[in-house]
Protein backbone atom coordinates (compact mmCIF):
# COMPACT_ATOMS: atom_id res chain seq x y z
CA UNK A 1 -165.84 -7.42 -178.48
CA UNK A 2 -166.60 -9.17 -175.20
CA UNK A 3 -167.90 -12.72 -175.18
CA UNK A 4 -170.92 -13.96 -173.22
CA UNK A 5 -171.64 -14.17 -170.34
CA UNK A 6 -170.75 -10.54 -169.70
CA UNK A 7 -169.06 -9.89 -166.35
CA UNK A 8 -170.82 -7.10 -164.48
CA UNK A 9 -167.52 -5.37 -163.67
CA UNK A 10 -166.86 -5.04 -167.41
CA UNK A 11 -170.37 -3.82 -168.18
CA UNK A 12 -170.15 -1.11 -165.53
CA UNK A 13 -166.60 -0.16 -166.56
CA UNK A 14 -167.71 0.32 -170.16
CA UNK A 15 -170.72 2.39 -169.06
CA UNK A 16 -168.57 4.72 -166.96
CA UNK A 17 -166.18 5.14 -169.89
CA UNK A 18 -168.87 5.72 -172.52
CA UNK A 19 -170.74 8.22 -170.30
CA UNK A 20 -167.60 10.33 -170.16
CA UNK A 21 -167.07 10.02 -173.91
CA UNK A 22 -170.67 11.11 -174.54
CA UNK A 23 -170.05 14.04 -172.22
CA UNK A 24 -167.34 15.32 -174.54
CA UNK A 25 -169.89 15.40 -177.37
CA UNK A 26 -172.55 17.09 -175.23
CA UNK A 27 -170.18 19.82 -174.05
CA UNK A 28 -168.87 20.43 -177.55
CA UNK A 29 -172.37 20.92 -179.00
CA UNK A 30 -173.48 23.09 -176.08
CA UNK A 31 -170.45 25.33 -176.57
CA UNK A 32 -171.43 26.04 -180.19
CA UNK A 33 -174.82 27.38 -179.05
CA UNK A 34 -176.45 25.56 -181.98
CA UNK A 35 -178.58 23.02 -180.10
CA UNK A 36 -181.15 22.51 -182.88
CA UNK A 37 -183.88 22.20 -180.24
CA UNK A 38 -187.29 20.98 -181.41
CA UNK A 39 -190.27 19.03 -180.20
CA UNK A 40 -190.00 15.32 -180.93
CA UNK A 41 -193.37 15.41 -182.68
CA UNK A 42 -192.12 18.11 -185.06
CA UNK A 43 -189.81 17.63 -187.99
CA UNK A 44 -188.40 21.14 -188.10
CA UNK A 45 -186.57 23.30 -185.58
CA UNK A 46 -188.86 25.18 -183.23
CA UNK A 47 -189.03 28.91 -182.76
CA UNK A 48 -186.64 29.96 -180.01
CA UNK A 49 -189.50 31.55 -178.03
CA UNK A 50 -191.82 28.57 -178.39
CA UNK A 51 -192.29 26.32 -175.37
CA UNK A 52 -191.12 22.79 -176.10
CA UNK A 53 -193.32 20.10 -174.55
CA UNK A 54 -191.06 17.15 -175.32
CA UNK A 55 -187.77 18.62 -176.52
CA UNK A 56 -184.83 16.98 -178.24
CA UNK A 57 -181.54 18.55 -179.35
CA UNK A 58 -178.66 17.59 -181.59
CA UNK A 59 -176.71 16.79 -178.42
CA UNK A 60 -179.33 14.21 -177.32
CA UNK A 61 -179.11 12.45 -180.67
CA UNK A 62 -175.32 12.51 -181.10
CA UNK A 63 -174.53 11.44 -177.55
CA UNK A 64 -176.99 8.53 -177.67
CA UNK A 65 -175.39 7.35 -180.92
CA UNK A 66 -172.02 7.17 -179.15
CA UNK A 67 -173.42 5.33 -176.13
CA UNK A 68 -175.63 2.91 -178.06
CA UNK A 69 -173.22 1.84 -180.76
CA UNK A 70 -170.12 1.72 -178.55
CA UNK A 71 -171.90 -0.55 -176.06
CA UNK A 72 -173.31 -2.78 -178.82
CA UNK A 73 -169.89 -3.08 -180.43
CA UNK A 74 -168.33 -4.01 -177.09
CA UNK A 75 -171.10 -6.38 -175.95
CA UNK A 76 -172.77 -7.94 -179.03
CA UNK A 77 -176.38 -8.99 -178.60
CA UNK A 78 -177.31 -6.69 -175.72
CA UNK A 79 -180.68 -4.91 -175.68
CA UNK A 80 -180.68 -1.11 -175.51
CA UNK A 81 -183.75 0.99 -174.79
CA UNK A 82 -182.81 4.61 -175.48
CA UNK A 83 -184.92 7.73 -175.18
CA UNK A 84 -184.23 8.82 -178.75
CA UNK A 85 -185.21 5.47 -180.31
CA UNK A 86 -183.22 3.68 -183.00
CA UNK A 87 -180.54 5.90 -184.53
CA UNK A 88 -178.01 5.67 -187.34
CA UNK A 89 -174.44 4.96 -186.21
CA UNK A 90 -172.02 7.81 -185.47
CA UNK A 91 -169.16 8.58 -187.84
CA UNK A 92 -166.74 6.96 -185.39
CA UNK A 93 -167.57 4.30 -182.81
CA UNK A 94 -165.14 4.61 -179.89
CA UNK A 95 -163.50 1.63 -178.20
CA UNK A 96 -164.47 1.28 -174.54
CA UNK A 97 -162.32 0.43 -171.54
CA UNK A 98 -163.93 -2.64 -169.96
CA UNK A 99 -161.21 -2.92 -167.30
CA UNK A 100 -161.63 0.53 -165.80
CA UNK A 101 -163.01 -0.82 -162.51
CA UNK A 102 -161.88 -4.41 -162.78
CA UNK A 103 -158.72 -4.41 -160.66
CA UNK A 104 -160.37 -2.55 -157.80
CA UNK A 105 -163.92 -3.91 -157.78
CA UNK A 106 -164.22 -7.15 -159.75
CA UNK A 107 -163.77 -9.37 -156.70
CA UNK A 108 -166.46 -7.60 -154.71
CA UNK A 109 -169.16 -7.13 -157.37
CA UNK A 110 -171.89 -9.78 -157.15
CA UNK A 111 -171.23 -12.67 -159.57
CA UNK A 112 -174.89 -13.63 -159.71
CA UNK A 113 -175.45 -10.70 -162.06
CA UNK A 114 -173.00 -11.88 -164.71
CA UNK A 115 -175.55 -12.24 -167.44
CA UNK A 116 -176.02 -13.18 -171.08
CA UNK A 117 -178.94 -10.76 -171.52
CA UNK A 118 -178.61 -7.41 -169.77
CA UNK A 119 -180.99 -4.64 -170.83
CA UNK A 120 -179.61 -1.10 -170.92
CA UNK A 121 -181.83 1.92 -170.30
CA UNK A 122 -180.21 5.06 -171.71
CA UNK A 123 -181.10 8.72 -171.39
CA UNK A 124 -178.24 10.60 -173.07
CA UNK A 125 -179.38 13.97 -171.68
CA UNK A 126 -181.71 13.72 -168.73
CA UNK A 127 -182.99 17.23 -168.21
CA UNK A 128 -183.19 18.38 -171.83
CA UNK A 129 -185.38 21.36 -170.86
CA UNK A 130 -182.75 22.43 -168.31
CA UNK A 131 -180.05 21.90 -170.95
CA UNK A 132 -181.86 24.21 -173.39
CA UNK A 133 -182.46 26.80 -170.65
CA UNK A 134 -178.76 26.79 -169.72
CA UNK A 135 -179.29 25.29 -166.26
CA UNK A 136 -176.40 22.91 -166.91
CA UNK A 137 -175.51 21.83 -163.37
CA UNK A 138 -178.58 19.58 -163.10
CA UNK A 139 -178.13 17.89 -166.51
CA UNK A 140 -177.19 14.20 -166.33
CA UNK A 141 -176.44 11.26 -168.59
CA UNK A 142 -178.12 8.07 -167.37
CA UNK A 143 -177.13 4.50 -168.17
CA UNK A 144 -178.98 1.78 -166.30
CA UNK A 145 -178.46 -1.98 -166.48
CA UNK A 146 -181.37 -4.25 -165.69
CA UNK A 147 -181.07 -8.00 -165.29
CA UNK A 148 -184.12 -10.26 -165.23
CA UNK A 149 -186.28 -7.14 -165.21
CA UNK A 150 -184.69 -5.63 -162.11
CA UNK A 151 -182.63 -2.41 -162.05
CA UNK A 152 -179.24 -3.79 -161.09
CA UNK A 153 -176.55 -1.23 -161.87
CA UNK A 154 -176.70 2.46 -162.62
CA UNK A 155 -174.39 5.22 -163.82
CA UNK A 156 -175.32 8.89 -163.39
CA UNK A 157 -172.89 11.33 -165.00
CA UNK A 158 -172.98 15.13 -164.81
CA UNK A 159 -171.30 16.22 -168.06
CA UNK A 160 -170.95 19.85 -166.98
CA UNK A 161 -169.53 19.04 -163.56
CA UNK A 162 -167.44 16.01 -164.59
CA UNK A 163 -169.10 14.21 -161.69
CA UNK A 164 -170.00 10.52 -161.87
CA UNK A 165 -171.83 8.20 -159.48
CA UNK A 166 -172.36 4.49 -160.02
CA UNK A 167 -173.96 1.75 -157.98
CA UNK A 168 -174.71 -1.96 -158.03
CA UNK A 169 -177.46 -3.62 -156.00
CA UNK A 170 -175.79 -5.94 -153.50
CA UNK A 171 -172.56 -3.95 -153.59
CA UNK A 172 -173.19 -0.27 -152.88
CA UNK A 173 -172.30 3.01 -154.55
CA UNK A 174 -169.07 4.72 -155.52
CA UNK A 175 -168.10 7.97 -157.19
CA UNK A 176 -168.19 11.70 -156.68
CA UNK A 177 -170.90 12.15 -154.12
CA UNK A 178 -171.27 13.49 -150.64
CA UNK A 179 -171.73 10.61 -148.23
CA UNK A 180 -174.21 10.92 -145.37
CA UNK A 181 -172.39 11.62 -142.11
CA UNK A 182 -175.61 11.20 -140.16
CA UNK A 183 -179.22 10.31 -140.84
CA UNK A 184 -181.26 13.45 -141.62
CA UNK A 185 -183.93 14.57 -139.17
CA UNK A 186 -186.83 12.27 -139.95
CA UNK A 187 -189.25 15.12 -139.19
CA UNK A 188 -187.72 17.39 -141.82
CA UNK A 189 -190.04 16.05 -144.57
CA UNK A 190 -188.45 18.01 -147.42
CA UNK A 191 -189.75 16.93 -150.85
CA UNK A 192 -188.43 17.61 -154.34
CA UNK A 193 -190.45 17.79 -157.55
CA UNK A 194 -189.69 18.51 -161.22
CA UNK A 195 -189.88 22.24 -161.89
CA UNK A 196 -192.15 21.75 -164.95
CA UNK A 197 -194.75 19.97 -162.78
CA UNK A 198 -194.85 22.49 -159.95
CA UNK A 199 -198.46 23.56 -160.32
CA UNK A 200 -199.73 20.07 -161.13
CA UNK A 201 -197.96 18.39 -158.22
CA UNK A 202 -198.75 21.10 -155.71
CA UNK A 203 -202.40 20.33 -156.45
CA UNK A 204 -201.84 16.57 -156.26
CA UNK A 205 -199.94 16.84 -152.97
CA UNK A 206 -202.28 19.35 -151.37
CA UNK A 207 -203.53 16.79 -148.88
CA UNK A 208 -200.03 16.23 -147.52
CA UNK A 209 -199.02 19.81 -146.91
CA UNK A 210 -199.19 19.07 -143.20
CA UNK A 211 -196.78 16.15 -143.70
CA UNK A 212 -194.44 17.67 -146.30
CA UNK A 213 -192.96 20.70 -144.60
CA UNK A 214 -190.90 21.99 -147.56
CA UNK A 215 -191.43 21.57 -151.29
CA UNK A 216 -188.55 22.38 -153.66
CA UNK A 217 -188.13 22.10 -157.43
CA UNK A 218 -185.25 21.02 -159.64
CA UNK A 219 -184.56 19.28 -162.95
CA UNK A 220 -183.40 15.86 -164.25
CA UNK A 221 -184.73 12.71 -162.61
CA UNK A 222 -181.21 11.38 -162.12
CA UNK A 223 -180.12 14.56 -160.39
CA UNK A 224 -183.22 14.69 -158.18
CA UNK A 225 -182.95 11.06 -157.09
CA UNK A 226 -179.28 11.59 -156.20
CA UNK A 227 -180.37 14.47 -153.98
CA UNK A 228 -182.47 11.93 -152.08
CA UNK A 229 -179.50 9.54 -151.94
CA UNK A 230 -177.28 12.30 -150.53
CA UNK A 231 -179.80 13.33 -147.89
CA UNK A 232 -180.44 16.80 -149.33
CA UNK A 233 -184.16 16.03 -149.55
CA UNK A 234 -186.35 13.28 -148.13
CA UNK A 235 -188.61 12.39 -151.06
CA UNK A 236 -188.80 12.91 -154.81
CA UNK A 237 -192.17 12.91 -156.60
CA UNK A 238 -192.96 13.00 -160.32
CA UNK A 239 -196.32 12.29 -161.94
CA UNK A 240 -194.83 10.32 -164.86
CA UNK A 241 -191.63 9.74 -166.78
CA UNK A 242 -189.98 6.83 -168.62
CA UNK A 243 -187.93 3.75 -167.85
CA UNK A 244 -184.72 5.35 -169.17
CA UNK A 245 -185.24 8.14 -166.61
CA UNK A 246 -185.38 5.80 -163.63
CA UNK A 247 -183.45 2.60 -164.39
CA UNK A 248 -180.01 4.02 -163.50
CA UNK A 249 -180.95 6.13 -160.45
CA UNK A 250 -183.28 3.42 -159.11
CA UNK A 251 -180.39 0.94 -159.16
CA UNK A 252 -178.26 3.47 -157.29
CA UNK A 253 -180.81 4.28 -154.60
CA UNK A 254 -181.59 0.57 -154.11
CA UNK A 255 -177.85 -0.12 -153.82
CA UNK A 256 -177.82 1.65 -150.46
CA UNK A 257 -181.19 0.57 -149.12
CA UNK A 258 -183.46 3.26 -150.55
CA UNK A 259 -186.67 2.72 -152.46
CA UNK A 260 -188.33 3.82 -155.69
CA UNK A 261 -191.88 2.82 -156.58
CA UNK A 262 -194.97 4.13 -158.30
CA UNK A 263 -197.46 6.17 -156.26
CA UNK A 264 -199.06 2.95 -155.01
CA UNK A 265 -195.90 1.29 -153.69
CA UNK A 266 -195.37 -1.03 -156.64
CA UNK A 267 -191.92 -1.47 -158.16
CA UNK A 268 -191.46 -0.89 -161.89
CA UNK A 269 -189.98 -3.61 -164.11
CA UNK A 270 -187.29 -3.10 -166.74
CA UNK A 271 -187.27 -6.13 -169.06
CA UNK A 272 -186.75 -5.58 -172.80
CA UNK A 273 -190.45 -5.68 -173.76
CA UNK A 274 -191.75 -3.55 -170.89
CA UNK A 275 -193.94 -0.50 -171.43
CA UNK A 276 -191.56 2.48 -171.51
CA UNK A 277 -193.82 4.86 -169.61
CA UNK A 278 -193.80 5.09 -165.81
CA UNK A 279 -197.43 6.15 -165.91
CA UNK A 280 -198.39 5.73 -162.25
CA UNK A 281 -196.01 8.21 -160.74
CA UNK A 282 -192.55 8.01 -159.18
CA UNK A 283 -191.72 8.25 -155.50
CA UNK A 284 -188.12 7.85 -154.31
CA UNK A 285 -187.03 7.90 -150.66
CA UNK A 286 -184.24 6.69 -148.40
CA UNK A 287 -186.43 6.40 -145.30
CA UNK A 288 -190.10 6.15 -144.34
CA UNK A 289 -191.24 5.34 -147.88
CA UNK A 290 -194.65 4.03 -146.88
CA UNK A 291 -195.49 7.20 -144.97
CA UNK A 292 -195.53 9.14 -148.24
CA UNK A 293 -197.58 6.65 -150.25
CA UNK A 294 -201.11 7.21 -148.89
CA UNK A 295 -200.97 10.89 -149.77
CA UNK A 296 -200.47 10.61 -153.51
CA UNK A 297 -202.89 7.98 -154.65
CA UNK A 298 -205.38 10.09 -156.58
CA UNK A 299 -205.03 8.93 -160.18
CA UNK A 300 -207.04 11.93 -161.29
CA UNK A 301 -203.96 14.05 -160.79
CA UNK A 302 -201.75 11.91 -163.04
CA UNK A 303 -201.34 13.05 -166.61
CA UNK A 304 -199.74 11.32 -169.55
CA UNK A 305 -198.92 14.74 -170.99
CA UNK A 306 -196.02 15.22 -168.56
CA UNK A 307 -192.61 14.23 -169.89
């Protein structure tokens, strides 16, 4: 186990390692075809033809167990806020490599973040609906580290593409991503929304059709925010999600000068006692953030039923 204060290079190293280890579990369960999908409010497995409003699978549970208990074993006393709540430990808790990035990056990672009380936001499978539907390329595992309430470091891992991206505010981003060779055309105005909110958000964004030229849909908040980071789209909107959906990708987009706020331009906080719901919308951009804000301020279009 590591001793306090925890060096940020070791925290991020362990998160990269445990994301990959969780990916092994996710892929193994997916390969069996026995996902055990059900709604979180239900105790029994749902009918295969029944629409799941807030789904969870065996893979969500088992992968979070690995992440949660391996991190707690490595860094005693940390706070973990995971999508699947408090879980029993896995049969085996893996040891984590805390020196994975140390030799290459320790000297350049900001020392001011070395902290005795990091808070981890974990979404073991971001895009559970896509996972169940078999749209595996958009599925991500998210591990965010917040310090003093601010999203500070983030790891986004694609378990079915073996692709990982990590970033630290004040340092930048690294990993398997396509770097921008030039700034996208600022008049392109291509926006991305969650596929399950298409009808709801098209109504909410009706007033900006003249300013958003193209509206596309995808899945997984982590995946969609990385599309903004990589310049594939210009803005990502969602009416509501949770802190474990945004902590990691917000740290990444802020690491290279982008922005993520609610629909009113206010930044979310990520301390251990914070409300888990991002109930006032999510807007992520790399450029021109304020130009999107005035168009999505009608609270009447926000719904707590969206997950």
